[in-house]
C-alpha atoms as a PDB file:
ATOM      1  CA  MET A   1      68.801 -28.040 -34.471  1.00  0.00           C
ATOM      2  CA  ALA A   2      72.249 -27.130 -32.661  1.00  0.00           C
ATOM      3  CA  ARG A   3      74.540 -29.573 -31.289  1.00  0.00           C
ATOM      4  CA  SER A   4      75.097 -29.792 -27.571  1.00  0.00           C
ATOM      5  CA  ARG A   5      78.635 -30.181 -26.253  1.00  0.00           C
ATOM      6  CA  LYS A   6      77.231 -31.996 -22.942  1.00  0.00           C
ATOM      7  CA  PRO A   7      77.115 -35.596 -23.028  1.00  0.00           C
ATOM      8  CA  VAL A   8      74.058 -37.510 -23.038  1.00  0.00           C
ATOM      9  CA  ASN A   9      75.012 -38.993 -19.697  1.00  0.00           C
ATOM     10  CA  PRO A  10      76.547 -36.123 -17.481  1.00  0.00           C
ATOM     11  CA  ALA A  11      78.078 -38.919 -15.353  1.00  0.00           C
ATOM     12  CA  ALA A  12      80.366 -40.170 -18.148  1.00  0.00           C
ATOM     13  CA  GLU A  13      82.205 -36.908 -18.598  1.00  0.00           C
ATOM     14  CA  ASN A  14      84.879 -38.101 -16.833  1.00  0.00           C
ATOM     15  CA  ALA A  15      85.635 -41.342 -18.305  1.00  0.00           C
ATOM     16  CA  LEU A  16      85.535 -39.441 -21.517  1.00  0.00           C
ATOM     17  CA  ASP A  17      87.958 -37.272 -20.660  1.00  0.00           C
ATOM     18  CA  GLN A  18      90.009 -40.265 -19.190  1.00  0.00           C
ATOM     19  CA  MET A  19      89.912 -41.916 -22.580  1.00  0.00           C
ATOM     20  CA  LYS A  20      90.867 -38.753 -24.519  1.00  0.00           C
ATOM     21  CA  LEU A  21      94.176 -38.720 -22.316  1.00  0.00           C
ATOM     22  CA  GLU A  22      94.547 -42.434 -22.893  1.00  0.00           C
ATOM     23  CA  VAL A  23      94.183 -42.065 -26.695  1.00  0.00           C
ATOM     24  CA  ALA A  24      96.731 -38.962 -26.613  1.00  0.00           C
ATOM     25  CA  SER A  25      98.829 -41.012 -24.817  1.00  0.00           C
ATOM     26  CA  GLU A  26      98.778 -43.774 -27.385  1.00  0.00           C
ATOM     27  CA  LEU A  27      99.324 -41.059 -30.120  1.00  0.00           C
ATOM     28  CA  GLY A  28     102.086 -39.740 -28.281  1.00  0.00           C
ATOM     29  CA  ILE A  29     100.713 -36.327 -27.623  1.00  0.00           C
ATOM     30  CA  ALA A  30      99.872 -36.628 -24.070  1.00  0.00           C
ATOM     31  CA  ASP A  31     102.781 -34.503 -22.702  1.00  0.00           C
ATOM     32  CA  HIS A  32     101.774 -31.596 -24.924  1.00  0.00           C
ATOM     33  CA  VAL A  33      98.120 -31.577 -23.918  1.00  0.00           C
ATOM     34  CA  ARG A  34      99.236 -31.821 -20.200  1.00  0.00           C
ATOM     35  CA  SER A  35     101.562 -28.811 -20.430  1.00  0.00           C
ATOM     36  CA  GLN A  36      99.699 -26.785 -23.035  1.00  0.00           C
ATOM     37  CA  GLY A  37      96.116 -27.834 -22.926  1.00  0.00           C
ATOM     38  CA  TRP A  38      93.698 -28.990 -25.492  1.00  0.00           C
ATOM     39  CA  ASN A  39      93.260 -25.246 -26.598  1.00  0.00           C
ATOM     40  CA  THR A  40      97.131 -25.416 -28.264  1.00  0.00           C
ATOM     41  CA  MET A  41      96.465 -28.494 -30.382  1.00  0.00           C
ATOM     42  CA  THR A  42      96.013 -28.641 -33.954  1.00  0.00           C
ATOM     43  CA  SER A  43      92.577 -29.518 -35.540  1.00  0.00           C
ATOM     44  CA  ALA A  44      94.425 -32.503 -37.049  1.00  0.00           C
ATOM     45  CA  ASP A  45      95.806 -33.724 -33.578  1.00  0.00           C
ATOM     46  CA  CYS A  46      92.449 -33.306 -32.102  1.00  0.00           C
ATOM     47  CA  GLY A  47      90.464 -35.258 -35.075  1.00  0.00           C
ATOM     48  CA  ARG A  48      93.067 -37.861 -34.669  1.00  0.00           C
ATOM     49  CA  VAL A  49      92.391 -38.114 -31.014  1.00  0.00           C
ATOM     50  CA  GLY A  50      88.193 -38.111 -31.658  1.00  0.00           C
ATOM     51  CA  GLY A  51      88.519 -40.761 -34.506  1.00  0.00           C
ATOM     52  CA  HIS A  52      90.711 -43.204 -32.300  1.00  0.00           C
ATOM     53  CA  MET A  53      88.219 -42.713 -29.343  1.00  0.00           C
ATOM     54  CA  VAL A  54      85.235 -43.726 -31.653  1.00  0.00           C
ATOM     55  CA  ARG A  55      87.055 -46.492 -33.048  1.00  0.00           C
ATOM     56  CA  LYS A  56      87.661 -47.742 -29.254  1.00  0.00           C
ATOM     57  CA  MET A  57      84.124 -47.294 -28.313  1.00  0.00           C
ATOM     58  CA  ILE A  58      82.499 -49.066 -31.419  1.00  0.00           C
ATOM     59  CA  GLU A  59      85.146 -52.028 -30.452  1.00  0.00           C
ATOM     60  CA  GLN A  60      84.066 -52.077 -27.106  1.00  0.00           C
ATOM     61  CA  TYR A  61      80.226 -52.194 -28.266  1.00  0.00           C
ATOM     62  CA  GLU A  62      81.057 -55.167 -30.733  1.00  0.00           C
ATOM     63  CA  SER A  63      82.681 -57.094 -27.847  1.00  0.00           C
ATOM     64  CA  THR A  64      79.798 -57.096 -25.859  1.00  0.00           C
ATOM     65  CA  LEU A  65      77.363 -58.247 -28.879  1.00  0.00           C
ATOM     66  CA  LYS A  66      79.507 -61.312 -29.052  1.00  0.00           C
END
């Protein structure tokens, strides 16, 4: 089965984009993203951003369990 790039909840797309920019800012690459876009980023940088996003989402979920 092919993966879809659409979020499960379409209303969450803006929140995910905002989170992506927050994480890029934390990693110090937000200026590069804003000036040149995500297409010019290396796969390592994109992977770093995605990894940090997942980490943050897990932390947020775990904090709701307590």
